[in-house]
N, C-alpha and C. Protein backbone atom coordinates (compact mmCIF):
# COMPACT_ATOMS: atom_id res chain seq x y z
N MET A 1 51.20 -39.47 17.70
CA MET A 1 51.95 -38.66 18.71
C MET A 1 52.73 -39.73 19.51
N ALA A 2 53.98 -39.39 19.87
CA ALA A 2 54.79 -40.29 20.64
C ALA A 2 54.27 -40.37 22.11
N GLU A 3 54.69 -41.43 22.76
CA GLU A 3 54.29 -41.69 24.16
C GLU A 3 54.71 -40.45 25.04
N LEU A 4 53.92 -40.05 25.84
CA LEU A 4 54.11 -38.87 26.70
C LEU A 4 55.30 -39.18 27.67
N ASP A 5 56.24 -38.36 27.76
CA ASP A 5 57.37 -38.58 28.64
C ASP A 5 57.52 -37.39 29.60
N LEU A 6 56.85 -37.50 30.78
CA LEU A 6 56.95 -36.49 31.73
C LEU A 6 57.55 -37.11 33.02
N PRO A 7 58.25 -36.35 33.79
CA PRO A 7 58.51 -34.95 33.69
C PRO A 7 59.53 -34.64 32.69
N TYR A 8 59.63 -33.43 32.32
CA TYR A 8 60.63 -32.93 31.39
C TYR A 8 62.02 -33.02 32.01
N SER A 9 62.98 -32.82 31.14
CA SER A 9 64.37 -32.85 31.65
C SER A 9 64.68 -31.44 32.18
N ASN A 10 65.85 -31.34 32.87
CA ASN A 10 66.24 -30.06 33.37
C ASN A 10 66.36 -29.02 32.30
N GLN A 11 66.92 -29.44 31.10
CA GLN A 11 67.12 -28.58 29.96
C GLN A 11 65.73 -28.03 29.52
N ASP A 12 64.77 -28.90 29.41
CA ASP A 12 63.39 -28.44 29.04
C ASP A 12 62.88 -27.38 29.99
N TYR A 13 63.05 -27.68 31.27
CA TYR A 13 62.52 -26.66 32.26
C TYR A 13 63.34 -25.43 32.16
N ARG A 14 64.64 -25.49 31.93
CA ARG A 14 65.43 -24.20 31.82
C ARG A 14 64.95 -23.40 30.64
N GLN A 15 64.69 -24.10 29.53
CA GLN A 15 64.18 -23.37 28.32
C GLN A 15 62.84 -22.77 28.59
N ARG A 16 62.04 -23.47 29.25
CA ARG A 16 60.70 -22.93 29.62
C ARG A 16 60.80 -21.71 30.50
N TRP A 17 61.75 -21.80 31.52
CA TRP A 17 61.99 -20.68 32.40
C TRP A 17 62.44 -19.45 31.55
N GLU A 18 63.46 -19.63 30.66
CA GLU A 18 63.92 -18.58 29.88
C GLU A 18 62.81 -17.91 29.05
N HIS A 19 61.97 -18.73 28.47
CA HIS A 19 60.80 -18.16 27.68
C HIS A 19 59.88 -17.40 28.64
N LEU A 20 59.50 -17.87 29.73
CA LEU A 20 58.61 -17.20 30.67
C LEU A 20 59.27 -15.85 31.18
N TYR A 21 60.51 -15.94 31.51
CA TYR A 21 61.23 -14.72 32.03
C TYR A 21 61.26 -13.70 30.89
N THR A 22 61.55 -14.06 29.66
CA THR A 22 61.56 -13.22 28.52
C THR A 22 60.16 -12.55 28.28
N ASN A 23 59.14 -13.39 28.46
CA ASN A 23 57.82 -12.81 28.40
C ASN A 23 57.52 -11.81 29.42
N ALA A 24 57.90 -12.12 30.64
CA ALA A 24 57.73 -11.15 31.72
C ALA A 24 58.41 -9.88 31.43
N LEU A 25 59.64 -9.91 30.94
CA LEU A 25 60.47 -8.76 30.59
C LEU A 25 59.72 -7.92 29.54
N SER A 26 59.27 -8.65 28.49
CA SER A 26 58.63 -7.93 27.34
C SER A 26 57.30 -7.34 27.77
N ASP A 27 56.58 -7.91 28.71
CA ASP A 27 55.32 -7.34 29.18
C ASP A 27 55.52 -6.23 30.14
N SER A 28 56.65 -6.07 30.66
CA SER A 28 56.94 -5.04 31.61
C SER A 28 57.15 -3.66 30.96
N GLN A 29 57.28 -2.62 31.79
CA GLN A 29 57.47 -1.27 31.27
C GLN A 29 58.92 -0.97 31.10
N ILE A 30 59.88 -1.97 31.29
CA ILE A 30 61.25 -1.78 31.13
C ILE A 30 61.63 -1.87 29.70
N ARG A 31 62.18 -0.82 29.13
CA ARG A 31 62.57 -0.79 27.72
C ARG A 31 64.01 -0.31 27.52
N ASP A 32 64.75 -0.89 26.74
CA ASP A 32 66.07 -0.46 26.36
C ASP A 32 67.01 -0.25 27.51
N ARG A 33 66.90 -1.02 28.66
CA ARG A 33 67.87 -0.82 29.70
C ARG A 33 67.82 -2.14 30.49
N ARG A 34 68.79 -2.31 31.33
CA ARG A 34 68.76 -3.44 32.23
C ARG A 34 67.93 -3.13 33.44
N PRO A 35 67.07 -4.07 33.90
CA PRO A 35 66.21 -3.78 35.04
C PRO A 35 67.09 -3.73 36.31
N ASN A 36 66.70 -2.87 37.24
CA ASN A 36 67.36 -2.70 38.52
C ASN A 36 66.97 -3.96 39.40
N HIS A 37 67.52 -3.99 40.61
CA HIS A 37 67.34 -5.22 41.38
C HIS A 37 65.90 -5.40 41.76
N GLU A 38 65.21 -4.40 42.12
CA GLU A 38 63.81 -4.49 42.52
C GLU A 38 62.95 -4.91 41.30
N GLU A 39 63.16 -4.31 40.12
CA GLU A 39 62.49 -4.70 39.01
C GLU A 39 62.72 -6.19 38.61
N ASN A 40 64.02 -6.56 38.67
CA ASN A 40 64.45 -7.90 38.41
C ASN A 40 63.73 -8.91 39.34
N GLN A 41 63.62 -8.53 40.54
CA GLN A 41 63.00 -9.40 41.53
C GLN A 41 61.52 -9.60 41.14
N ARG A 42 60.82 -8.56 40.72
CA ARG A 42 59.41 -8.60 40.34
C ARG A 42 59.23 -9.50 39.07
N LEU A 43 60.18 -9.33 38.09
CA LEU A 43 60.18 -10.09 36.95
C LEU A 43 60.39 -11.57 37.24
N HIS A 44 61.29 -11.95 38.16
CA HIS A 44 61.49 -13.32 38.52
C HIS A 44 60.31 -13.93 39.22
N LEU A 45 59.62 -13.15 40.10
CA LEU A 45 58.44 -13.62 40.76
C LEU A 45 57.26 -13.88 39.79
N ARG A 46 57.14 -12.95 38.81
CA ARG A 46 56.13 -13.11 37.75
C ARG A 46 56.34 -14.39 36.93
N ALA A 47 57.63 -14.51 36.50
CA ALA A 47 57.96 -15.75 35.71
C ALA A 47 57.80 -17.01 36.62
N ALA A 48 58.11 -16.97 37.87
CA ALA A 48 57.96 -18.15 38.79
C ALA A 48 56.51 -18.50 38.88
N HIS A 49 55.62 -17.49 38.98
CA HIS A 49 54.17 -17.77 39.08
C HIS A 49 53.73 -18.48 37.79
N HIS A 50 54.15 -18.01 36.66
CA HIS A 50 53.77 -18.70 35.36
C HIS A 50 54.42 -20.08 35.23
N PHE A 51 55.56 -20.22 35.66
CA PHE A 51 56.33 -21.44 35.67
C PHE A 51 55.51 -22.51 36.44
N ILE A 52 55.10 -22.19 37.65
CA ILE A 52 54.31 -23.18 38.44
C ILE A 52 52.98 -23.43 37.75
N VAL A 53 52.36 -22.49 37.29
CA VAL A 53 51.02 -22.63 36.56
C VAL A 53 51.22 -23.58 35.38
N GLU A 54 52.20 -23.31 34.58
CA GLU A 54 52.42 -24.16 33.39
C GLU A 54 52.79 -25.62 33.80
N ALA A 55 53.59 -25.77 34.83
CA ALA A 55 53.94 -27.13 35.28
C ALA A 55 52.63 -27.88 35.83
N TYR A 56 51.77 -27.09 36.44
CA TYR A 56 50.44 -27.59 36.93
C TYR A 56 49.63 -28.02 35.75
N ALA A 57 49.57 -27.22 34.70
CA ALA A 57 48.80 -27.57 33.52
C ALA A 57 49.35 -28.83 32.90
N ASP A 58 50.63 -28.95 32.81
CA ASP A 58 51.26 -30.20 32.25
C ASP A 58 50.90 -31.38 33.04
N GLU A 59 50.92 -31.24 34.36
CA GLU A 59 50.54 -32.37 35.22
C GLU A 59 49.01 -32.76 34.97
N LEU A 60 48.22 -31.80 34.79
CA LEU A 60 46.80 -32.07 34.48
C LEU A 60 46.72 -32.78 33.18
N LYS A 61 47.47 -32.43 32.19
CA LYS A 61 47.40 -33.06 30.89
C LYS A 61 47.75 -34.53 31.06
N GLN A 62 48.71 -34.80 31.81
CA GLN A 62 49.09 -36.25 31.98
C GLN A 62 48.16 -37.01 32.88
N ARG A 63 47.79 -36.38 33.96
CA ARG A 63 46.96 -37.10 35.00
C ARG A 63 45.53 -37.34 34.53
N LEU A 64 44.93 -36.29 33.93
CA LEU A 64 43.57 -36.39 33.61
C LEU A 64 43.24 -36.97 32.23
N CYS A 65 43.96 -36.59 31.28
CA CYS A 65 43.66 -36.98 29.87
C CYS A 65 44.79 -36.69 28.94
N ARG A 66 45.37 -37.69 28.48
CA ARG A 66 46.47 -37.56 27.49
C ARG A 66 46.04 -36.84 26.27
N THR A 67 44.79 -36.87 25.92
CA THR A 67 44.31 -36.14 24.76
C THR A 67 44.39 -34.64 24.90
N TRP A 68 44.54 -34.21 26.10
CA TRP A 68 44.79 -32.78 26.43
C TRP A 68 46.14 -32.32 26.08
N TRP A 69 47.07 -33.22 25.72
CA TRP A 69 48.39 -32.81 25.64
C TRP A 69 48.66 -31.69 24.59
N ASP A 70 47.98 -31.70 23.54
CA ASP A 70 48.13 -30.62 22.50
C ASP A 70 47.38 -29.37 22.85
N LEU A 71 46.68 -29.33 23.93
CA LEU A 71 46.01 -28.15 24.30
C LEU A 71 46.94 -27.08 24.93
N SER A 72 46.58 -25.83 24.80
CA SER A 72 47.40 -24.77 25.41
C SER A 72 47.16 -24.80 26.91
N THR A 73 48.01 -24.14 27.63
CA THR A 73 47.92 -23.95 29.06
C THR A 73 46.55 -23.31 29.37
N LEU A 74 46.21 -22.30 28.64
CA LEU A 74 44.85 -21.59 28.81
C LEU A 74 43.74 -22.55 28.75
N ASP A 75 43.74 -23.40 27.63
CA ASP A 75 42.63 -24.33 27.39
C ASP A 75 42.52 -25.31 28.55
N VAL A 76 43.66 -25.88 28.98
CA VAL A 76 43.74 -26.85 30.04
C VAL A 76 43.17 -26.25 31.32
N LEU A 77 43.58 -25.07 31.68
CA LEU A 77 43.10 -24.40 32.92
C LEU A 77 41.60 -24.14 32.82
N ALA A 78 41.24 -23.69 31.58
CA ALA A 78 39.77 -23.47 31.42
C ALA A 78 38.94 -24.73 31.64
N MET A 79 39.42 -25.88 31.12
CA MET A 79 38.70 -27.07 31.25
C MET A 79 38.63 -27.55 32.70
N ARG A 80 39.73 -27.36 33.41
CA ARG A 80 39.78 -27.75 34.83
C ARG A 80 38.79 -26.83 35.66
N ALA A 81 38.85 -25.54 35.33
CA ALA A 81 37.90 -24.57 35.96
C ALA A 81 36.47 -24.94 35.77
N VAL A 82 36.11 -25.38 34.52
CA VAL A 82 34.80 -25.78 34.24
C VAL A 82 34.40 -27.00 35.05
N ALA A 83 35.33 -27.96 35.18
CA ALA A 83 35.07 -29.15 35.93
C ALA A 83 34.85 -28.84 37.48
N ILE A 84 35.70 -27.97 37.99
CA ILE A 84 35.65 -27.64 39.43
C ILE A 84 34.47 -26.69 39.76
N HIS A 85 34.35 -25.63 39.01
CA HIS A 85 33.43 -24.57 39.33
C HIS A 85 32.05 -24.65 38.55
N HIS A 86 31.97 -25.65 37.66
CA HIS A 86 30.72 -25.84 36.86
C HIS A 86 30.37 -24.61 36.02
N TRP A 87 31.42 -23.96 35.54
CA TRP A 87 31.21 -22.83 34.65
C TRP A 87 30.92 -23.29 33.24
N HIS A 88 30.40 -22.44 32.38
CA HIS A 88 30.26 -22.68 30.96
C HIS A 88 31.66 -22.53 30.33
N ILE A 89 31.97 -23.33 29.39
CA ILE A 89 33.30 -23.26 28.79
C ILE A 89 33.55 -21.96 28.18
N GLU A 90 32.53 -21.30 27.57
CA GLU A 90 32.68 -20.05 26.94
C GLU A 90 33.21 -19.03 27.95
N TYR A 91 32.59 -19.06 29.14
CA TYR A 91 32.96 -18.08 30.19
C TYR A 91 34.45 -18.39 30.57
N ALA A 92 34.76 -19.63 30.80
CA ALA A 92 36.15 -19.94 31.26
C ALA A 92 37.16 -19.59 30.24
N LYS A 93 36.86 -19.87 28.95
CA LYS A 93 37.81 -19.60 27.90
C LYS A 93 37.99 -18.08 27.63
N GLY A 94 37.09 -17.27 28.22
CA GLY A 94 37.25 -15.86 28.14
C GLY A 94 38.10 -15.23 29.15
N LEU A 95 38.60 -16.06 30.09
CA LEU A 95 39.43 -15.56 31.14
C LEU A 95 40.93 -15.70 30.78
N SER A 96 41.69 -14.91 31.43
CA SER A 96 43.17 -14.95 31.19
C SER A 96 43.75 -16.09 32.01
N ILE A 97 45.01 -16.46 31.70
CA ILE A 97 45.70 -17.50 32.48
C ILE A 97 45.81 -17.03 33.95
N ASP A 98 46.10 -15.78 34.26
CA ASP A 98 46.13 -15.28 35.58
C ASP A 98 44.80 -15.47 36.25
N GLU A 99 43.74 -15.18 35.62
CA GLU A 99 42.38 -15.19 36.24
C GLU A 99 42.04 -16.72 36.51
N LEU A 100 42.39 -17.52 35.57
CA LEU A 100 42.09 -18.98 35.79
C LEU A 100 42.97 -19.57 36.92
N ALA A 101 44.20 -19.11 36.98
CA ALA A 101 45.09 -19.55 38.04
C ALA A 101 44.55 -19.17 39.34
N PHE A 102 44.02 -17.94 39.44
CA PHE A 102 43.33 -17.49 40.66
C PHE A 102 42.17 -18.38 41.04
N ALA A 103 41.38 -18.70 40.05
CA ALA A 103 40.19 -19.58 40.31
C ALA A 103 40.60 -20.96 40.77
N LEU A 104 41.80 -21.39 40.30
CA LEU A 104 42.23 -22.70 40.68
C LEU A 104 43.32 -22.67 41.74
N HIS A 105 43.36 -21.60 42.45
CA HIS A 105 44.38 -21.34 43.49
C HIS A 105 44.56 -22.47 44.48
N ASP A 106 43.42 -23.00 44.98
CA ASP A 106 43.53 -24.07 45.98
C ASP A 106 44.28 -25.29 45.46
N GLU A 107 44.06 -25.67 44.19
CA GLU A 107 44.80 -26.82 43.62
C GLU A 107 46.22 -26.38 43.38
N ILE A 108 46.47 -25.28 42.82
CA ILE A 108 47.83 -24.84 42.45
C ILE A 108 48.70 -24.67 43.70
N ALA A 109 48.06 -24.11 44.80
CA ALA A 109 48.79 -23.92 46.04
C ALA A 109 49.33 -25.22 46.64
N HIS A 110 48.76 -26.35 46.36
CA HIS A 110 49.13 -27.63 46.93
C HIS A 110 49.87 -28.49 45.82
N PHE A 111 50.01 -27.94 44.60
CA PHE A 111 50.64 -28.73 43.56
C PHE A 111 52.15 -28.92 43.83
N LYS A 112 52.62 -30.11 43.68
CA LYS A 112 54.02 -30.40 43.90
C LYS A 112 54.72 -30.46 42.53
N LEU A 113 55.72 -29.64 42.41
CA LEU A 113 56.53 -29.62 41.16
C LEU A 113 57.31 -30.94 40.97
N PRO A 114 57.49 -31.32 39.75
CA PRO A 114 58.42 -32.43 39.55
C PRO A 114 59.85 -32.01 39.97
N ASP A 115 60.63 -32.95 40.41
CA ASP A 115 61.98 -32.61 40.96
C ASP A 115 62.76 -31.72 39.99
N PRO A 116 62.87 -32.01 38.65
CA PRO A 116 63.68 -31.17 37.79
C PRO A 116 63.15 -29.76 37.74
N ALA A 117 61.82 -29.61 37.72
CA ALA A 117 61.16 -28.21 37.72
C ALA A 117 61.45 -27.55 39.01
N TYR A 118 61.41 -28.17 40.13
CA TYR A 118 61.65 -27.55 41.45
C TYR A 118 63.17 -27.09 41.47
N ARG A 119 64.05 -27.85 41.01
CA ARG A 119 65.46 -27.49 41.00
C ARG A 119 65.72 -26.28 40.08
N VAL A 120 65.14 -26.26 38.93
CA VAL A 120 65.34 -25.15 38.03
C VAL A 120 64.79 -23.85 38.69
N LEU A 121 63.56 -23.91 39.19
CA LEU A 121 62.92 -22.78 39.80
C LEU A 121 63.69 -22.31 40.99
N HIS A 122 64.05 -23.14 41.86
CA HIS A 122 64.90 -22.82 42.99
C HIS A 122 66.19 -22.12 42.57
N GLY A 123 66.89 -22.65 41.57
CA GLY A 123 68.08 -22.08 41.15
C GLY A 123 67.84 -20.61 40.53
N LYS A 124 66.78 -20.44 39.88
CA LYS A 124 66.51 -19.19 39.28
C LYS A 124 66.08 -18.07 40.32
N LEU A 125 65.51 -18.52 41.42
CA LEU A 125 65.04 -17.61 42.40
C LEU A 125 66.02 -17.34 43.51
N GLN A 126 67.06 -18.11 43.63
CA GLN A 126 67.94 -18.05 44.83
C GLN A 126 68.62 -16.74 45.02
N PHE A 127 68.84 -15.99 43.92
CA PHE A 127 69.50 -14.71 44.12
C PHE A 127 68.49 -13.51 44.15
N TRP A 128 67.23 -13.83 43.97
CA TRP A 128 66.25 -12.76 43.80
C TRP A 128 65.20 -12.71 44.95
N ILE A 129 65.04 -13.70 45.71
CA ILE A 129 64.13 -13.65 46.78
C ILE A 129 64.80 -14.24 48.01
N PRO A 130 64.44 -13.68 49.20
CA PRO A 130 65.01 -14.26 50.39
C PRO A 130 64.40 -15.65 50.73
N HIS A 131 65.16 -16.64 51.16
CA HIS A 131 64.75 -17.89 51.56
C HIS A 131 63.89 -18.65 50.44
N PRO A 132 64.53 -18.86 49.26
CA PRO A 132 63.72 -19.56 48.21
C PRO A 132 63.24 -20.93 48.63
N THR A 133 64.02 -21.66 49.45
CA THR A 133 63.60 -22.98 49.83
C THR A 133 62.34 -22.94 50.68
N ARG A 134 62.26 -21.92 51.62
CA ARG A 134 61.01 -21.79 52.30
C ARG A 134 59.87 -21.41 51.45
N ALA A 135 60.06 -20.47 50.49
CA ALA A 135 59.09 -19.94 49.63
C ALA A 135 58.51 -21.06 48.75
N LEU A 136 59.39 -21.95 48.37
CA LEU A 136 58.89 -23.03 47.41
C LEU A 136 58.47 -24.32 48.15
N GLU A 137 58.52 -24.31 49.49
CA GLU A 137 58.21 -25.54 50.26
C GLU A 137 56.88 -26.14 49.89
N PRO A 138 55.82 -25.34 49.63
CA PRO A 138 54.48 -25.96 49.29
C PRO A 138 54.54 -26.67 47.97
N HIS A 139 55.53 -26.41 47.12
CA HIS A 139 55.62 -27.05 45.80
C HIS A 139 56.70 -28.17 45.73
N ARG A 140 57.32 -28.39 46.81
CA ARG A 140 58.40 -29.40 46.88
C ARG A 140 57.78 -30.80 47.13
N GLY A 141 58.02 -31.73 46.17
CA GLY A 141 57.45 -33.07 46.34
C GLY A 141 58.21 -33.83 47.46
N GLU A 142 57.59 -34.85 48.00
CA GLU A 142 58.27 -35.64 49.10
C GLU A 142 59.57 -36.17 48.72
N GLU A 143 59.72 -36.51 47.48
CA GLU A 143 61.03 -37.17 47.09
C GLU A 143 62.11 -36.13 46.80
N THR A 144 61.74 -34.91 46.67
CA THR A 144 62.69 -33.80 46.37
C THR A 144 63.35 -33.37 47.63
N GLN A 145 64.69 -33.38 47.59
CA GLN A 145 65.48 -32.86 48.71
C GLN A 145 65.78 -31.37 48.35
N PRO A 146 65.64 -30.45 49.32
CA PRO A 146 65.90 -29.02 49.01
C PRO A 146 67.46 -28.92 48.76
N PRO A 147 67.76 -28.07 47.84
CA PRO A 147 69.22 -27.82 47.57
C PRO A 147 69.92 -27.24 48.80
N ASN A 148 71.18 -27.56 48.98
CA ASN A 148 71.95 -27.03 50.06
C ASN A 148 72.42 -25.62 49.68
N ASN A 149 72.04 -24.67 50.53
CA ASN A 149 72.40 -23.26 50.27
C ASN A 149 73.59 -22.88 51.13
């Protein structure tokens, strides 16, 4: 396996966003039509949640153990939940990504996105939520300057 090169580039984060937004759309009840503004807002918020959780899992992979790199987001979150909450791995692996993210909320709430991820997420949310800079402030790293709106 090649040397780990994180953070990803803007293009990688854009592709990840598109994948997560497409997943949110396919999981929704919206079929064969364009979502209205309110539905689109909900889809963007759902994708944003998963985007932050996946970036958090990537950071765990790099920070805690490079051998975790090939693990799925679900597996990484389960392993972290086991370490923090002293759960049995079978229990943790039986939970969904959303349930594990809830269990790891304190860590995720203070997680700082890499600059390219922050910029992609801010750009994707700026037309769908009021004050995206304020909403993403907990995830903005010290080195990241908020975009000028």
